[in-house]
Protein backbone atom coordinates (compact mmCIF):
# COMPACT_ATOMS: atom_id res chain seq x y z
CA UNK A 1 15.98 14.01 -0.57
CA UNK A 2 14.32 12.52 2.48
CA UNK A 3 11.82 9.84 2.29
CA UNK A 4 9.04 12.07 3.70
CA UNK A 5 9.84 14.58 0.88
CA UNK A 6 9.53 11.85 -1.68
CA UNK A 7 6.18 10.75 -0.31
CA UNK A 8 4.88 14.31 -0.13
CA UNK A 9 5.90 14.86 -3.80
CA UNK A 10 4.41 11.58 -5.16
CA UNK A 11 1.15 12.36 -3.49
CA UNK A 12 0.92 16.16 -3.87
CA UNK A 13 -1.41 15.85 -6.78
CA UNK A 14 -3.55 13.31 -5.08
CA UNK A 15 -3.78 15.46 -1.95
CA UNK A 16 -4.67 18.52 -3.92
CA UNK A 17 -7.48 16.75 -5.75
CA UNK A 18 -8.92 15.11 -2.62
CA UNK A 19 -8.67 17.74 0.04
CA UNK A 20 -10.65 20.84 0.31
CA UNK A 21 -9.05 24.03 1.68
CA UNK A 22 -10.03 23.09 5.27
CA UNK A 23 -9.90 19.25 5.35
CA UNK A 24 -10.53 16.92 8.11
CA UNK A 25 -7.26 15.23 9.36
CA UNK A 26 -8.08 11.87 7.87
CA UNK A 27 -9.43 11.34 4.31
CA UNK A 28 -10.34 7.85 2.93
CA UNK A 29 -9.15 7.30 -0.63
CA UNK A 30 -10.53 4.93 -3.07
CA UNK A 31 -8.59 1.63 -4.05
CA UNK A 32 -8.47 3.00 -7.62
CA UNK A 33 -6.88 6.23 -6.39
CA UNK A 34 -4.33 4.27 -4.38
CA UNK A 35 -3.55 1.98 -7.33
CA UNK A 36 -3.30 5.08 -9.53
CA UNK A 37 -0.47 6.32 -7.24
CA UNK A 38 1.38 2.86 -6.76
CA UNK A 39 1.01 0.78 -9.93
CA UNK A 40 4.67 0.42 -11.36
CA UNK A 41 6.25 1.43 -8.11
CA UNK A 42 7.57 -0.46 -4.96
CA UNK A 43 6.51 0.60 -1.51
CA UNK A 44 7.55 -0.05 1.99
CA UNK A 45 5.00 -0.55 4.65
CA UNK A 46 5.85 0.21 8.35
CA UNK A 47 3.69 -0.56 11.37
CA UNK A 48 2.47 2.64 12.74
CA UNK A 49 2.78 1.88 16.52
CA UNK A 50 6.12 0.24 16.50
CA UNK A 51 7.70 1.76 13.45
CA UNK A 52 8.99 -1.63 12.38
CA UNK A 53 9.10 -2.44 8.61
CA UNK A 54 6.38 -4.91 7.81
CA UNK A 55 7.40 -5.60 4.30
CA UNK A 56 7.85 -4.28 0.79
CA UNK A 57 5.32 -4.60 -2.03
CA UNK A 58 5.93 -4.06 -5.74
CA UNK A 59 2.75 -3.29 -7.70
CA UNK A 60 3.28 -4.90 -11.11
CA UNK A 61 -0.17 -3.82 -12.46
CA UNK A 62 -3.62 -3.13 -11.11
CA UNK A 63 -4.28 -6.85 -10.50
CA UNK A 64 -0.92 -8.40 -9.42
CA UNK A 65 1.69 -7.55 -6.77
CA UNK A 66 4.72 -9.20 -5.16
CA UNK A 67 5.14 -8.91 -1.47
CA UNK A 68 8.48 -9.48 0.31
CA UNK A 69 8.70 -9.76 4.04
CA UNK A 70 12.00 -9.43 5.74
CA UNK A 71 13.60 -12.91 5.99
CA UNK A 72 10.69 -14.77 4.27
CA UNK A 73 11.22 -14.33 0.58
CA UNK A 74 8.57 -13.41 -2.07
CA UNK A 75 4.82 -14.05 -2.38
CA UNK A 76 2.85 -13.10 -5.39
CA UNK A 77 -0.67 -11.61 -4.86
CA UNK A 78 -3.86 -11.11 -6.81
CA UNK A 79 -5.41 -7.53 -6.16
CA UNK A 80 -9.14 -6.90 -6.01
CA UNK A 81 -11.13 -3.88 -4.96
CA UNK A 82 -14.41 -4.83 -3.38
CA UNK A 83 -16.44 -2.46 -1.17
CA UNK A 84 -13.99 0.48 -1.12
CA UNK A 85 -11.19 -1.75 0.08
CA UNK A 86 -8.00 -2.95 -1.60
CA UNK A 87 -7.52 -6.81 -1.06
CA UNK A 88 -4.72 -9.12 -1.67
CA UNK A 89 -4.98 -12.97 -1.97
CA UNK A 90 -1.37 -14.28 -1.83
CA UNK A 91 -0.12 -17.52 -3.32
CA UNK A 92 0.88 -18.95 0.17
CA UNK A 93 -2.41 -18.14 1.92
CA UNK A 94 -3.77 -21.43 3.22
CA UNK A 95 -7.27 -20.33 3.76
CA UNK A 96 -8.02 -18.59 0.50
CA UNK A 97 -9.28 -15.52 2.19
CA UNK A 98 -7.90 -12.21 0.89
CA UNK A 99 -6.29 -9.73 3.35
CA UNK A 100 -8.21 -6.32 2.85
CA UNK A 101 -7.23 -2.74 3.65
CA UNK A 102 -8.77 0.71 3.66
CA UNK A 103 -6.33 3.28 2.25
CA UNK A 104 -6.44 6.79 3.60
CA UNK A 105 -4.53 9.95 3.99
CA UNK A 106 -3.60 11.40 7.30
CA UNK A 107 -2.16 14.85 7.16
CA UNK A 108 0.51 14.24 4.41
CA UNK A 109 0.95 10.45 5.08
CA UNK A 110 -0.53 7.58 3.12
CA UNK A 111 -1.78 4.84 5.42
CA UNK A 112 -3.64 1.63 5.16
CA UNK A 113 -5.90 0.13 7.99
CA UNK A 114 -6.75 -3.47 8.12
CA UNK A 115 -10.32 -3.89 7.12
CA UNK A 116 -11.57 -5.97 10.13
CA UNK A 117 -13.28 -4.82 13.24
CA UNK A 118 -11.18 -7.11 15.52
CA UNK A 119 -7.69 -5.91 14.48
CA UNK A 120 -6.90 -2.18 14.13
CA UNK A 121 -3.50 -2.67 12.53
CA UNK A 122 -2.43 0.37 10.59
CA UNK A 123 0.55 0.60 8.30
CA UNK A 124 2.18 3.70 6.81
CA UNK A 125 3.78 3.89 3.46
CA UNK A 126 7.32 5.50 4.10
CA UNK A 127 9.02 4.81 0.77
CA UNK A 128 7.99 4.77 -2.83
CA UNK A 129 10.58 3.87 -5.46
CA UNK A 130 10.77 2.43 -8.91
CA UNK A 131 13.08 -0.27 -7.77
CA UNK A 132 11.91 -4.00 -7.87
CA UNK A 133 11.99 -6.27 -5.00
CA UNK A 134 14.46 -8.56 -6.53
CA UNK A 135 12.26 -11.66 -6.50
CA UNK A 136 12.98 -14.58 -8.87
CA UNK A 137 10.44 -15.01 -11.70
CA UNK A 138 8.66 -11.53 -11.20
CA UNK A 139 6.08 -11.48 -14.01
CA UNK A 140 6.52 -8.47 -16.26
CA UNK A 141 3.76 -5.90 -15.85
């Protein structure tokens, strides 16, 4: 089964619930809807423009995740959901300011857009699995 089919199957119910018969091409979803789909799962984020893997995140529960970037190891994050955004404050963040995203669906793809006006970075979820990220001392969900 291709990754695209796995993602479509994982979000089929979400799409059906959120999209009317003739929906616009882009639909913002709430952080709670996003978390409902990913808690207990591990997802891979790819930068939309370049197609490069940005990193892999395991959603341990609704308030904790573990992020693994290629070649950098693991970082644990606290998840919050203010103002329709999903935000992550990672253990290694020197300024203590969370990184926030707006989750949305575009056609049959799940994407997140950085919630700042200066940076239009968008990442696409291309893989959803039940595998862990193989980090030491991963807290049990």
